[in-house]
Amino acid sequence: MKLAILGGGSWGTALAILWARHDHQVQLWARKPEDVVAFNAAGANTKYLPEVPFPETLAVVGDLQQLVQTNDLLCLSIPLQAYRAFLMQIKPWLNPRHRMILTSKGIELGTGMLPQEIVEDVLGDEWSQRAYTLSGPSFAKEVADDKPTTVVLAGPHTDELVTLQEALTTPTFRLYRNHDVMGVEICGALKNVIAIASGMVRGLDLGNNTMAGLITRGLHEISRYGVRLGAERETFAGLAGMGDLILTCTGGLSRNLRVGMGLASGKPLEQVLHDLGMVAEGVHTCKSVRHKAHELGVELPITEVVYHILYEGMKPQEGLRRLMTRSLKAEVRKQ
């Protein structure tokens, strides 16, 4: 299969390496000309995955227009907050043959839109049948290292979804189908907020009991929000929900977890993000989700506390105290 990976970060690079290694014709687009030169010269992404060599067939290119016009399958692997401007840029070059795979997780600031919603808003409603969402527990480095990984490809119930699933599955990268695009994208966005809280738990050395409780109640919170918006409850118990939440909250490679750990150490948010050097979507998502939840009247106590810590200077210890001293409730309530 011939495809273009649009985005030269760690995730886009990992997918490019994976699929090029398994006989697909893959081109990787990097935004900065100096990165194109450096990556090709080194035969690796010297910024994000320097220790993983490119397959011989993988080339990094900088001509975005030519790349879009010569590849019908486009894999969008840029930060979610850049989607709208990027889609506007490539819109004149798209044709009815084009299909997209969306790999970014988050919610757009200002609009509260999920990735698929941004695509349809910019490119038109017909893209509900032409765009697919890839999500699930998948650290870029492990995918690039060919470690066994299972993910979800969400999209319309068509033969094309099955075709893409079969084509993009490899011996170490197994895709499952899911038709609940909204649910899959909500999971991918909100788990990053819970992961920031999990980083605080780890940074404060609060122990395994606290972490287990946070993940469990975090999944309940994500599910309550998603079902209220019309997502399917079963999705939250799957790879995009429980699977990705566990990985992001416990894996040391998680960017959002590292944000939480930095905040727990007493660093201001600006310093934490500077030290990270990469996008942590949970920081933006927290603000968008809190606003939408208030509109819907959905209670998201963990998200609320994370928001106050990120944007209003609350100490992580005070956030924990607030969560533990909330009014007592039944564990399971009707949505």
C-alpha atoms as a PDB file:
ATOM      1  CA  MET A   1       0.000   0.000   0.000  1.00  0.00           C
ATOM      2  CA  LYS A   2       1.199   3.517  -0.815  1.00  0.00           C
ATOM      3  CA  LEU A   3       0.745   6.099   1.937  1.00  0.00           C
ATOM      4  CA  ALA A   4       2.081   9.378   3.269  1.00  0.00           C
ATOM      5  CA  ILE A   5       2.707  10.094   6.943  1.00  0.00           C
ATOM      6  CA  LEU A   6       2.140  13.794   7.567  1.00  0.00           C
ATOM      7  CA  GLY A   7       4.114  14.764  10.650  1.00  0.00           C
ATOM      8  CA  GLY A   8       7.716  14.103  11.604  1.00  0.00           C
ATOM      9  CA  GLY A   9       7.242  13.714  15.353  1.00  0.00           C
ATOM     10  CA  SER A  10       7.781  10.520  17.305  1.00  0.00           C
ATOM     11  CA  TRP A  11       4.397   8.943  16.501  1.00  0.00           C
ATOM     12  CA  GLY A  12       4.379   9.748  12.803  1.00  0.00           C
ATOM     13  CA  THR A  13       7.950   8.508  12.505  1.00  0.00           C
ATOM     14  CA  ALA A  14       7.173   5.275  14.350  1.00  0.00           C
ATOM     15  CA  LEU A  15       4.255   4.514  12.031  1.00  0.00           C
ATOM     16  CA  ALA A  16       6.366   5.323   8.979  1.00  0.00           C
ATOM     17  CA  ILE A  17       9.131   2.983  10.150  1.00  0.00           C
ATOM     18  CA  LEU A  18       6.645   0.237  11.013  1.00  0.00           C
ATOM     19  CA  TRP A  19       4.802   0.227   7.709  1.00  0.00           C
ATOM     20  CA  ALA A  20       7.897   0.792   5.545  1.00  0.00           C
ATOM     21  CA  ARG A  21       9.521  -2.150   7.288  1.00  0.00           C
ATOM     22  CA  HIS A  22       6.565  -4.298   6.244  1.00  0.00           C
ATOM     23  CA  ASP A  23       6.703  -3.573   2.516  1.00  0.00           C
ATOM     24  CA  HIS A  24       4.399  -0.567   2.234  1.00  0.00           C
ATOM     25  CA  GLN A  25       5.486   2.381   0.081  1.00  0.00           C
ATOM     26  CA  VAL A  26       5.794   5.087   2.735  1.00  0.00           C
ATOM     27  CA  GLN A  27       6.901   8.701   2.600  1.00  0.00           C
ATOM     28  CA  LEU A  28       7.298  10.812   5.741  1.00  0.00           C
ATOM     29  CA  TRP A  29       6.683  14.568   5.663  1.00  0.00           C
ATOM     30  CA  ALA A  30       8.578  16.864   8.029  1.00  0.00           C
ATOM     31  CA  ARG A  31       7.654  20.532   8.319  1.00  0.00           C
ATOM     32  CA  LYS A  32      11.109  22.061   8.753  1.00  0.00           C
ATOM     33  CA  PRO A  33      13.514  21.886   5.779  1.00  0.00           C
ATOM     34  CA  GLU A  34      16.472  21.398   8.112  1.00  0.00           C
ATOM     35  CA  ASP A  35      14.777  18.329   9.597  1.00  0.00           C
ATOM     36  CA  VAL A  36      14.249  16.838   6.143  1.00  0.00           C
ATOM     37  CA  VAL A  37      17.961  17.188   5.417  1.00  0.00           C
ATOM     38  CA  ALA A  38      19.084  15.953   8.843  1.00  0.00           C
ATOM     39  CA  PHE A  39      16.751  12.950   8.967  1.00  0.00           C
ATOM     40  CA  ASN A  40      17.672  11.765   5.480  1.00  0.00           C
ATOM     41  CA  ALA A  41      21.386  12.252   6.118  1.00  0.00           C
ATOM     42  CA  ALA A  42      21.275  10.313   9.389  1.00  0.00           C
ATOM     43  CA  GLY A  43      18.813   7.689   8.195  1.00  0.00           C
ATOM     44  CA  ALA A  44      16.830   8.294  11.383  1.00  0.00           C
ATOM     45  CA  ASN A  45      14.680  10.874  13.143  1.00  0.00           C
ATOM     46  CA  THR A  46      17.504  12.548  15.027  1.00  0.00           C
ATOM     47  CA  LYS A  47      15.094  14.524  17.235  1.00  0.00           C
ATOM     48  CA  TYR A  48      12.644  11.950  18.549  1.00  0.00           C
ATOM     49  CA  LEU A  49      13.741   8.399  17.645  1.00  0.00           C
ATOM     50  CA  PRO A  50      17.473   8.716  16.910  1.00  0.00           C
ATOM     51  CA  GLU A  51      18.254   5.127  17.899  1.00  0.00           C
ATOM     52  CA  VAL A  52      15.787   3.556  15.423  1.00  0.00           C
ATOM     53  CA  PRO A  53      17.179   3.460  11.861  1.00  0.00           C
ATOM     54  CA  PHE A  54      14.901   4.069   8.897  1.00  0.00           C
ATOM     55  CA  PRO A  55      14.229   1.172   6.535  1.00  0.00           C
ATOM     56  CA  GLU A  56      16.084   1.716   3.267  1.00  0.00           C
ATOM     57  CA  THR A  57      12.826   2.418   1.437  1.00  0.00           C
ATOM     58  CA  LEU A  58      11.704   5.224   3.771  1.00  0.00           C
ATOM     59  CA  ALA A  59      12.365   8.774   2.609  1.00  0.00           C
ATOM     60  CA  VAL A  60      11.623  12.063   4.358  1.00  0.00           C
ATOM     61  CA  VAL A  61      10.250  14.793   2.104  1.00  0.00           C
ATOM     62  CA  GLY A  62       9.428  18.454   2.523  1.00  0.00           C
ATOM     63  CA  ASP A  63       7.215  19.180  -0.492  1.00  0.00           C
ATOM     64  CA  LEU A  64       3.785  18.888   1.102  1.00  0.00           C
ATOM     65  CA  GLN A  65       1.768  19.611  -2.034  1.00  0.00           C
ATOM     66  CA  GLN A  66       3.512  16.958  -4.097  1.00  0.00           C
ATOM     67  CA  LEU A  67       3.207  14.440  -1.272  1.00  0.00           C
ATOM     68  CA  VAL A  68      -0.541  14.984  -0.911  1.00  0.00           C
ATOM     69  CA  GLN A  69      -1.175  14.896  -4.646  1.00  0.00           C
ATOM     70  CA  THR A  70       0.762  11.657  -5.182  1.00  0.00           C
ATOM     71  CA  ASN A  71      -0.610   9.643  -2.236  1.00  0.00           C
ATOM     72  CA  ASP A  72      -4.263   8.714  -1.811  1.00  0.00           C
ATOM     73  CA  LEU A  73      -3.904   7.536   1.814  1.00  0.00           C
ATOM     74  CA  LEU A  74      -2.799  10.288   4.190  1.00  0.00           C
ATOM     75  CA  CYS A  75      -1.932   9.579   7.822  1.00  0.00           C
ATOM     76  CA  LEU A  76      -2.290  12.770   9.875  1.00  0.00           C
ATOM     77  CA  SER A  77       0.233  12.741  12.735  1.00  0.00           C
ATOM     78  CA  ILE A  78       0.536  16.388  13.713  1.00  0.00           C
ATOM     79  CA  PRO A  79      -0.560  18.005  17.011  1.00  0.00           C
ATOM     80  CA  LEU A  80      -4.342  18.203  17.266  1.00  0.00           C
ATOM     81  CA  GLN A  81      -4.318  21.975  17.802  1.00  0.00           C
ATOM     82  CA  ALA A  82      -2.677  22.383  14.374  1.00  0.00           C
ATOM     83  CA  TYR A  83      -5.284  20.302  12.518  1.00  0.00           C
ATOM     84  CA  ARG A  84      -7.538  23.121  11.358  1.00  0.00           C
ATOM     85  CA  ALA A  85      -4.846  25.292   9.769  1.00  0.00           C
ATOM     86  CA  PHE A  86      -3.135  22.260   8.250  1.00  0.00           C
ATOM     87  CA  LEU A  87      -6.352  20.932   6.706  1.00  0.00           C
ATOM     88  CA  MET A  88      -7.098  24.354   5.262  1.00  0.00           C
ATOM     89  CA  GLN A  89      -3.644  24.317   3.695  1.00  0.00           C
ATOM     90  CA  ILE A  90      -4.003  20.925   1.990  1.00  0.00           C
ATOM     91  CA  LYS A  91      -7.705  21.245   1.091  1.00  0.00           C
ATOM     92  CA  PRO A  92      -7.071  22.539  -2.472  1.00  0.00           C
ATOM     93  CA  TRP A  93      -4.949  19.465  -3.222  1.00  0.00           C
ATOM     94  CA  LEU A  94      -7.458  16.826  -2.116  1.00  0.00           C
ATOM     95  CA  ASN A  95      -9.643  14.784  -4.460  1.00  0.00           C
ATOM     96  CA  PRO A  96     -12.394  12.154  -4.024  1.00  0.00           C
ATOM     97  CA  ARG A  97      -9.834   9.326  -3.951  1.00  0.00           C
ATOM     98  CA  HIS A  98      -8.147  10.599  -0.816  1.00  0.00           C
ATOM     99  CA  ARG A  99      -8.622   8.870   2.528  1.00  0.00           C
ATOM    100  CA  MET A 100      -7.236   9.946   5.906  1.00  0.00           C
ATOM    101  CA  ILE A 101      -6.146   8.153   9.039  1.00  0.00           C
ATOM    102  CA  LEU A 102      -6.222  10.453  12.071  1.00  0.00           C
ATOM    103  CA  THR A 103      -3.693   9.539  14.754  1.00  0.00           C
ATOM    104  CA  SER A 104      -3.746  12.627  16.997  1.00  0.00           C
ATOM    105  CA  LYS A 105      -5.567  12.623  20.326  1.00  0.00           C
ATOM    106  CA  GLY A 106      -7.218  15.604  21.928  1.00  0.00           C
ATOM    107  CA  ILE A 107      -9.953  18.218  21.740  1.00  0.00           C
ATOM    108  CA  GLU A 108      -9.635  21.504  19.867  1.00  0.00           C
ATOM    109  CA  LEU A 109      -9.408  24.601  22.015  1.00  0.00           C
ATOM    110  CA  GLY A 110     -12.204  27.084  21.414  1.00  0.00           C
ATOM    111  CA  THR A 111     -14.524  24.713  19.550  1.00  0.00           C
ATOM    112  CA  GLY A 112     -14.357  21.579  21.714  1.00  0.00           C
ATOM    113  CA  MET A 113     -14.215  19.495  18.531  1.00  0.00           C
ATOM    114  CA  LEU A 114     -12.733  16.013  18.280  1.00  0.00           C
ATOM    115  CA  PRO A 115     -10.369  15.125  15.383  1.00  0.00           C
ATOM    116  CA  GLN A 116     -13.073  13.712  13.091  1.00  0.00           C
ATOM    117  CA  GLU A 117     -15.298  16.719  13.762  1.00  0.00           C
ATOM    118  CA  ILE A 118     -12.517  19.115  12.779  1.00  0.00           C
ATOM    119  CA  VAL A 119     -11.982  17.219   9.524  1.00  0.00           C
ATOM    120  CA  GLU A 120     -15.681  17.361   8.646  1.00  0.00           C
ATOM    121  CA  ASP A 121     -15.920  21.022   9.648  1.00  0.00           C
ATOM    122  CA  VAL A 122     -13.036  22.015   7.367  1.00  0.00           C
ATOM    123  CA  LEU A 123     -13.383  19.551   4.482  1.00  0.00           C
ATOM    124  CA  GLY A 124     -17.115  18.787   4.472  1.00  0.00           C
ATOM    125  CA  ASP A 125     -19.559  16.213   5.821  1.00  0.00           C
ATOM    126  CA  GLU A 126     -18.610  13.655   3.163  1.00  0.00           C
ATOM    127  CA  TRP A 127     -15.385  13.083   5.072  1.00  0.00           C
ATOM    128  CA  SER A 128     -17.349  11.149   7.701  1.00  0.00           C
ATOM    129  CA  GLN A 129     -17.031   8.299   5.179  1.00  0.00           C
ATOM    130  CA  ARG A 130     -13.420   9.005   4.220  1.00  0.00           C
ATOM    131  CA  ALA A 131     -11.565   9.555   7.511  1.00  0.00           C
ATOM    132  CA  TYR A 132     -10.594   6.897  10.059  1.00  0.00           C
ATOM    133  CA  THR A 133      -9.232   7.197  13.591  1.00  0.00           C
ATOM    134  CA  LEU A 134      -6.298   5.133  14.866  1.00  0.00           C
ATOM    135  CA  SER A 135      -6.069   4.908  18.653  1.00  0.00           C
ATOM    136  CA  GLY A 136      -5.198   2.610  21.527  1.00  0.00           C
ATOM    137  CA  PRO A 137      -2.284   1.763  23.864  1.00  0.00           C
ATOM    138  CA  SER A 138       0.754   2.463  21.700  1.00  0.00           C
ATOM    139  CA  PHE A 139       3.968   4.202  22.726  1.00  0.00           C
ATOM    140  CA  ALA A 140       5.850   5.322  19.621  1.00  0.00           C
ATOM    141  CA  LYS A 141       9.221   3.873  20.655  1.00  0.00           C
ATOM    142  CA  GLU A 142       7.768   0.419  21.252  1.00  0.00           C
ATOM    143  CA  VAL A 143       5.948   0.445  17.908  1.00  0.00           C
ATOM    144  CA  ALA A 144       9.168   1.466  16.154  1.00  0.00           C
ATOM    145  CA  ASP A 145      10.970  -1.352  17.974  1.00  0.00           C
ATOM    146  CA  ASP A 146       8.418  -3.852  16.611  1.00  0.00           C
ATOM    147  CA  LYS A 147       7.118  -4.775  20.056  1.00  0.00           C
ATOM    148  CA  PRO A 148       3.655  -6.402  19.878  1.00  0.00           C
ATOM    149  CA  THR A 149       0.971  -3.707  19.952  1.00  0.00           C
ATOM    150  CA  THR A 150      -2.822  -3.810  19.615  1.00  0.00           C
ATOM    151  CA  VAL A 151      -4.811  -0.761  18.543  1.00  0.00           C
ATOM    152  CA  VAL A 152      -8.209   0.246  17.170  1.00  0.00           C
ATOM    153  CA  LEU A 153      -9.101   1.595  13.735  1.00  0.00           C
ATOM    154  CA  ALA A 154     -12.441   3.387  13.995  1.00  0.00           C
ATOM    155  CA  GLY A 155     -14.552   4.423  11.054  1.00  0.00           C
ATOM    156  CA  PRO A 156     -17.763   3.908   9.100  1.00  0.00           C
ATOM    157  CA  HIS A 157     -19.126   0.387   8.742  1.00  0.00           C
ATOM    158  CA  THR A 158     -17.831  -0.259   5.236  1.00  0.00           C
ATOM    159  CA  ASP A 159     -15.738  -2.776   3.338  1.00  0.00           C
ATOM    160  CA  GLU A 160     -13.046  -0.104   3.156  1.00  0.00           C
ATOM    161  CA  LEU A 161     -12.561  -0.233   6.929  1.00  0.00           C
ATOM    162  CA  VAL A 162     -11.921  -3.971   6.688  1.00  0.00           C
ATOM    163  CA  THR A 163      -9.529  -3.432   3.773  1.00  0.00           C
ATOM    164  CA  LEU A 164      -7.513  -0.865   5.724  1.00  0.00           C
ATOM    165  CA  GLN A 165      -7.494  -3.064   8.820  1.00  0.00           C
ATOM    166  CA  GLU A 166      -6.083  -5.972   6.849  1.00  0.00           C
ATOM    167  CA  ALA A 167      -3.555  -3.866   4.945  1.00  0.00           C
ATOM    168  CA  LEU A 168      -2.133  -2.000   7.937  1.00  0.00           C
ATOM    169  CA  THR A 169      -1.958  -4.930  10.359  1.00  0.00           C
ATOM    170  CA  THR A 170       1.525  -6.435  10.681  1.00  0.00           C
ATOM    171  CA  PRO A 171       2.849  -9.382  12.729  1.00  0.00           C
ATOM    172  CA  THR A 172       3.572  -6.932  15.580  1.00  0.00           C
ATOM    173  CA  PHE A 173       0.855  -4.306  15.043  1.00  0.00           C
ATOM    174  CA  ARG A 174      -2.664  -5.721  15.251  1.00  0.00           C
ATOM    175  CA  LEU A 175      -5.679  -3.568  14.368  1.00  0.00           C
ATOM    176  CA  TYR A 176      -9.215  -4.148  15.635  1.00  0.00           C
ATOM    177  CA  ARG A 177     -12.240  -2.491  14.006  1.00  0.00           C
ATOM    178  CA  ASN A 178     -14.621  -0.192  15.847  1.00  0.00           C
ATOM    179  CA  HIS A 179     -17.482   1.881  14.437  1.00  0.00           C
ATOM    180  CA  ASP A 180     -17.825   4.184  17.464  1.00  0.00           C
ATOM    181  CA  VAL A 181     -15.559   6.964  16.217  1.00  0.00           C
ATOM    182  CA  MET A 182     -16.770   9.450  18.822  1.00  0.00           C
ATOM    183  CA  GLY A 183     -16.183   7.043  21.694  1.00  0.00           C
ATOM    184  CA  VAL A 184     -12.706   6.120  20.495  1.00  0.00           C
ATOM    185  CA  GLU A 185     -11.725   9.780  20.117  1.00  0.00           C
ATOM    186  CA  ILE A 186     -13.152  10.757  23.510  1.00  0.00           C
ATOM    187  CA  CYS A 187     -11.111   7.977  25.115  1.00  0.00           C
ATOM    188  CA  GLY A 188      -7.962   9.150  23.372  1.00  0.00           C
ATOM    189  CA  ALA A 189      -8.479  12.722  24.528  1.00  0.00           C
ATOM    190  CA  LEU A 190      -9.626  12.342  28.125  1.00  0.00           C
ATOM    191  CA  LYS A 191      -7.157   9.646  29.139  1.00  0.00           C
ATOM    192  CA  ASN A 192      -4.429  12.281  28.835  1.00  0.00           C
ATOM    193  CA  VAL A 193      -6.071  14.379  31.552  1.00  0.00           C
ATOM    194  CA  ILE A 194      -6.230  11.404  33.904  1.00  0.00           C
ATOM    195  CA  ALA A 195      -2.598  10.652  33.041  1.00  0.00           C
ATOM    196  CA  ILE A 196      -1.548  14.087  34.288  1.00  0.00           C
ATOM    197  CA  ALA A 197      -3.216  13.239  37.603  1.00  0.00           C
ATOM    198  CA  SER A 198      -1.452   9.867  37.634  1.00  0.00           C
ATOM    199  CA  GLY A 199       1.874  11.635  37.232  1.00  0.00           C
ATOM    200  CA  MET A 200       1.107  13.662  40.332  1.00  0.00           C
ATOM    201  CA  VAL A 201       0.290  10.457  42.221  1.00  0.00           C
ATOM    202  CA  ARG A 202       3.627   9.005  41.194  1.00  0.00           C
ATOM    203  CA  GLY A 203       5.523  12.222  41.850  1.00  0.00           C
ATOM    204  CA  LEU A 204       4.090  12.482  45.358  1.00  0.00           C
ATOM    205  CA  ASP A 205       4.866   8.780  45.991  1.00  0.00           C
ATOM    206  CA  LEU A 206       1.289   8.063  47.042  1.00  0.00           C
ATOM    207  CA  GLY A 207       1.470   4.356  46.302  1.00  0.00           C
ATOM    208  CA  ASN A 208      -0.325   1.683  44.328  1.00  0.00           C
ATOM    209  CA  ASN A 209      -3.672   1.947  46.105  1.00  0.00           C
ATOM    210  CA  THR A 210      -3.991   5.575  45.066  1.00  0.00           C
ATOM    211  CA  MET A 211      -2.964   4.843  41.480  1.00  0.00           C
ATOM    212  CA  ALA A 212      -5.440   1.983  41.124  1.00  0.00           C
ATOM    213  CA  GLY A 213      -8.246   4.115  42.509  1.00  0.00           C
ATOM    214  CA  LEU A 214      -7.367   7.011  40.214  1.00  0.00           C
ATOM    215  CA  ILE A 215      -7.332   4.862  37.068  1.00  0.00           C
ATOM    216  CA  THR A 216     -10.614   3.174  37.970  1.00  0.00           C
ATOM    217  CA  ARG A 217     -12.453   6.371  38.814  1.00  0.00           C
ATOM    218  CA  GLY A 218     -10.816   8.054  35.837  1.00  0.00           C
ATOM    219  CA  LEU A 219     -12.256   5.447  33.487  1.00  0.00           C
ATOM    220  CA  HIS A 220     -15.661   5.938  35.093  1.00  0.00           C
ATOM    221  CA  GLU A 221     -15.345   9.694  34.537  1.00  0.00           C
ATOM    222  CA  ILE A 222     -14.359   9.296  30.872  1.00  0.00           C
ATOM    223  CA  SER A 223     -17.215   6.860  30.285  1.00  0.00           C
ATOM    224  CA  ARG A 224     -19.785   9.133  31.930  1.00  0.00           C
ATOM    225  CA  TYR A 225     -18.731  12.037  29.721  1.00  0.00           C
ATOM    226  CA  GLY A 226     -18.653   9.958  26.543  1.00  0.00           C
ATOM    227  CA  VAL A 227     -22.003   8.260  27.030  1.00  0.00           C
ATOM    228  CA  ARG A 228     -23.573  11.652  27.708  1.00  0.00           C
ATOM    229  CA  LEU A 229     -22.372  12.752  24.263  1.00  0.00           C
ATOM    230  CA  GLY A 230     -23.729   9.627  22.575  1.00  0.00           C
ATOM    231  CA  ALA A 231     -20.747   7.263  22.548  1.00  0.00           C
ATOM    232  CA  GLU A 232     -21.181   3.526  23.121  1.00  0.00           C
ATOM    233  CA  ARG A 233     -20.442   2.359  26.661  1.00  0.00           C
ATOM    234  CA  GLU A 234     -18.596  -0.776  25.469  1.00  0.00           C
ATOM    235  CA  THR A 235     -15.920   1.333  23.785  1.00  0.00           C
ATOM    236  CA  PHE A 236     -14.611   2.549  27.133  1.00  0.00           C
ATOM    237  CA  ALA A 237     -13.785  -0.987  28.261  1.00  0.00           C
ATOM    238  CA  GLY A 238     -11.750  -1.634  25.101  1.00  0.00           C
ATOM    239  CA  LEU A 239      -8.297  -0.809  23.787  1.00  0.00           C
ATOM    240  CA  ALA A 240      -9.019   2.877  23.158  1.00  0.00           C
ATOM    241  CA  GLY A 241     -10.488   3.268  26.656  1.00  0.00           C
ATOM    242  CA  MET A 242      -9.180   1.018  29.403  1.00  0.00           C
ATOM    243  CA  GLY A 243      -6.145  -0.101  27.402  1.00  0.00           C
ATOM    244  CA  ASP A 244      -4.835   3.347  26.555  1.00  0.00           C
ATOM    245  CA  LEU A 245      -5.682   4.701  30.004  1.00  0.00           C
ATOM    246  CA  ILE A 246      -3.663   1.995  31.771  1.00  0.00           C
ATOM    247  CA  LEU A 247      -0.671   2.505  29.491  1.00  0.00           C
ATOM    248  CA  THR A 248      -0.692   6.289  29.704  1.00  0.00           C
ATOM    249  CA  CYS A 249      -1.114   6.319  33.486  1.00  0.00           C
ATOM    250  CA  THR A 250       1.550   3.716  34.273  1.00  0.00           C
ATOM    251  CA  GLY A 251       4.083   3.823  31.440  1.00  0.00           C
ATOM    252  CA  GLY A 252       7.190   5.896  32.037  1.00  0.00           C
ATOM    253  CA  LEU A 253       7.207   7.067  28.413  1.00  0.00           C
ATOM    254  CA  SER A 254       3.915   8.958  28.755  1.00  0.00           C
ATOM    255  CA  ARG A 255       4.301  12.698  28.114  1.00  0.00           C
ATOM    256  CA  ASN A 256       1.225  13.572  30.143  1.00  0.00           C
ATOM    257  CA  LEU A 257       2.365  11.460  33.086  1.00  0.00           C
ATOM    258  CA  ARG A 258       5.663  13.337  33.026  1.00  0.00           C
ATOM    259  CA  VAL A 259       3.763  16.629  33.119  1.00  0.00           C
ATOM    260  CA  GLY A 260       2.045  15.494  36.312  1.00  0.00           C
ATOM    261  CA  MET A 261       5.325  14.380  37.859  1.00  0.00           C
ATOM    262  CA  GLY A 262       6.878  17.742  37.067  1.00  0.00           C
ATOM    263  CA  LEU A 263       3.994  19.595  38.693  1.00  0.00           C
ATOM    264  CA  ALA A 264       4.239  17.353  41.765  1.00  0.00           C
ATOM    265  CA  SER A 265       7.905  18.325  42.103  1.00  0.00           C
ATOM    266  CA  GLY A 266       6.871  21.961  42.440  1.00  0.00           C
ATOM    267  CA  LYS A 267       7.828  23.212  38.979  1.00  0.00           C
ATOM    268  CA  PRO A 268       5.515  25.713  37.259  1.00  0.00           C
ATOM    269  CA  LEU A 269       3.628  24.433  34.218  1.00  0.00           C
ATOM    270  CA  GLU A 270       5.657  26.557  31.788  1.00  0.00           C
ATOM    271  CA  GLN A 271       8.907  25.009  33.022  1.00  0.00           C
ATOM    272  CA  VAL A 272       7.475  21.496  32.896  1.00  0.00           C
ATOM    273  CA  LEU A 273       6.379  21.902  29.272  1.00  0.00           C
ATOM    274  CA  HIS A 274       9.709  23.467  28.317  1.00  0.00           C
ATOM    275  CA  ASP A 275      11.613  20.558  29.859  1.00  0.00           C
ATOM    276  CA  LEU A 276       9.350  18.048  28.109  1.00  0.00           C
ATOM    277  CA  GLY A 277      10.116  19.450  24.672  1.00  0.00           C
ATOM    278  CA  MET A 278       7.079  17.749  23.116  1.00  0.00           C
ATOM    279  CA  VAL A 279       3.338  18.352  22.968  1.00  0.00           C
ATOM    280  CA  ALA A 280       1.321  17.010  25.919  1.00  0.00           C
ATOM    281  CA  GLU A 281      -2.251  17.191  24.634  1.00  0.00           C
ATOM    282  CA  GLY A 282      -3.767  16.640  28.078  1.00  0.00           C
ATOM    283  CA  VAL A 283      -2.901  20.205  29.069  1.00  0.00           C
ATOM    284  CA  HIS A 284      -5.100  21.622  26.294  1.00  0.00           C
ATOM    285  CA  THR A 285      -7.736  18.900  26.526  1.00  0.00           C
ATOM    286  CA  CYS A 286      -8.343  19.548  30.211  1.00  0.00           C
ATOM    287  CA  LYS A 287      -9.468  23.106  29.518  1.00  0.00           C
ATOM    288  CA  SER A 288     -11.750  22.132  26.611  1.00  0.00           C
ATOM    289  CA  VAL A 289     -13.343  19.176  28.390  1.00  0.00           C
ATOM    290  CA  ARG A 290     -13.999  21.116  31.582  1.00  0.00           C
ATOM    291  CA  HIS A 291     -15.810  23.814  29.605  1.00  0.00           C
ATOM    292  CA  LYS A 292     -17.928  21.274  27.707  1.00  0.00           C
ATOM    293  CA  ALA A 293     -18.713  19.295  30.859  1.00  0.00           C
ATOM    294  CA  HIS A 294     -20.010  22.438  32.556  1.00  0.00           C
ATOM    295  CA  GLU A 295     -22.268  23.072  29.547  1.00  0.00           C
ATOM    296  CA  LEU A 296     -23.594  19.508  29.693  1.00  0.00           C
ATOM    297  CA  GLY A 297     -23.921  19.380  33.464  1.00  0.00           C
ATOM    298  CA  VAL A 298     -21.620  16.339  33.645  1.00  0.00           C
ATOM    299  CA  GLU A 299     -19.577  15.965  36.819  1.00  0.00           C
ATOM    300  CA  LEU A 300     -15.860  15.322  36.175  1.00  0.00           C
ATOM    301  CA  PRO A 301     -14.157  15.681  39.571  1.00  0.00           C
ATOM    302  CA  ILE A 302     -10.675  14.521  38.529  1.00  0.00           C
ATOM    303  CA  THR A 303     -10.658  16.740  35.456  1.00  0.00           C
ATOM    304  CA  GLU A 304     -11.865  19.655  37.589  1.00  0.00           C
ATOM    305  CA  VAL A 305      -8.996  19.240  40.037  1.00  0.00           C
ATOM    306  CA  VAL A 306      -6.414  18.873  37.255  1.00  0.00           C
ATOM    307  CA  TYR A 307      -7.743  22.083  35.691  1.00  0.00           C
ATOM    308  CA  HIS A 308      -7.322  24.000  38.957  1.00  0.00           C
ATOM    309  CA  ILE A 309      -3.760  22.702  39.306  1.00  0.00           C
ATOM    310  CA  LEU A 310      -2.811  23.503  35.697  1.00  0.00           C
ATOM    311  CA  TYR A 311      -4.437  26.902  35.376  1.00  0.00           C
ATOM    312  CA  GLU A 312      -5.226  28.300  38.812  1.00  0.00           C
ATOM    313  CA  GLY A 313      -2.187  27.407  40.874  1.00  0.00           C
ATOM    314  CA  MET A 314      -3.736  24.770  43.135  1.00  0.00           C
ATOM    315  CA  LYS A 315      -1.159  22.505  44.794  1.00  0.00           C
ATOM    316  CA  PRO A 316      -1.419  18.795  43.905  1.00  0.00           C
ATOM    317  CA  GLN A 317      -1.746  17.933  47.598  1.00  0.00           C
ATOM    318  CA  GLU A 318      -4.794  20.194  47.873  1.00  0.00           C
ATOM    319  CA  GLY A 319      -6.282  18.590  44.772  1.00  0.00           C
ATOM    320  CA  LEU A 320      -5.971  15.160  46.371  1.00  0.00           C
ATOM    321  CA  ARG A 321      -7.580  16.421  49.570  1.00  0.00           C
ATOM    322  CA  ARG A 322     -10.550  17.777  47.608  1.00  0.00           C
ATOM    323  CA  LEU A 323     -11.082  14.478  45.809  1.00  0.00           C
ATOM    324  CA  MET A 324     -10.885  12.427  49.000  1.00  0.00           C
ATOM    325  CA  THR A 325     -13.251  14.677  50.969  1.00  0.00           C
ATOM    326  CA  ARG A 326     -16.020  15.023  48.372  1.00  0.00           C
ATOM    327  CA  SER A 327     -19.530  14.060  49.444  1.00  0.00           C
ATOM    328  CA  LEU A 328     -20.004  10.290  49.562  1.00  0.00           C
ATOM    329  CA  LYS A 329     -21.823   8.641  46.646  1.00  0.00           C
ATOM    330  CA  ALA A 330     -22.804   5.279  45.222  1.00  0.00           C
ATOM    331  CA  GLU A 331     -20.035   3.769  43.100  1.00  0.00           C
ATOM    332  CA  VAL A 332     -22.285   3.255  40.082  1.00  0.00           C
ATOM    333  CA  ARG A 333     -25.023   5.690  39.146  1.00  0.00           C
ATOM    334  CA  LYS A 334     -27.405   5.761  36.216  1.00  0.00           C
ATOM    335  CA  GLN A 335     -26.059   7.959  33.443  1.00  0.00           C
END
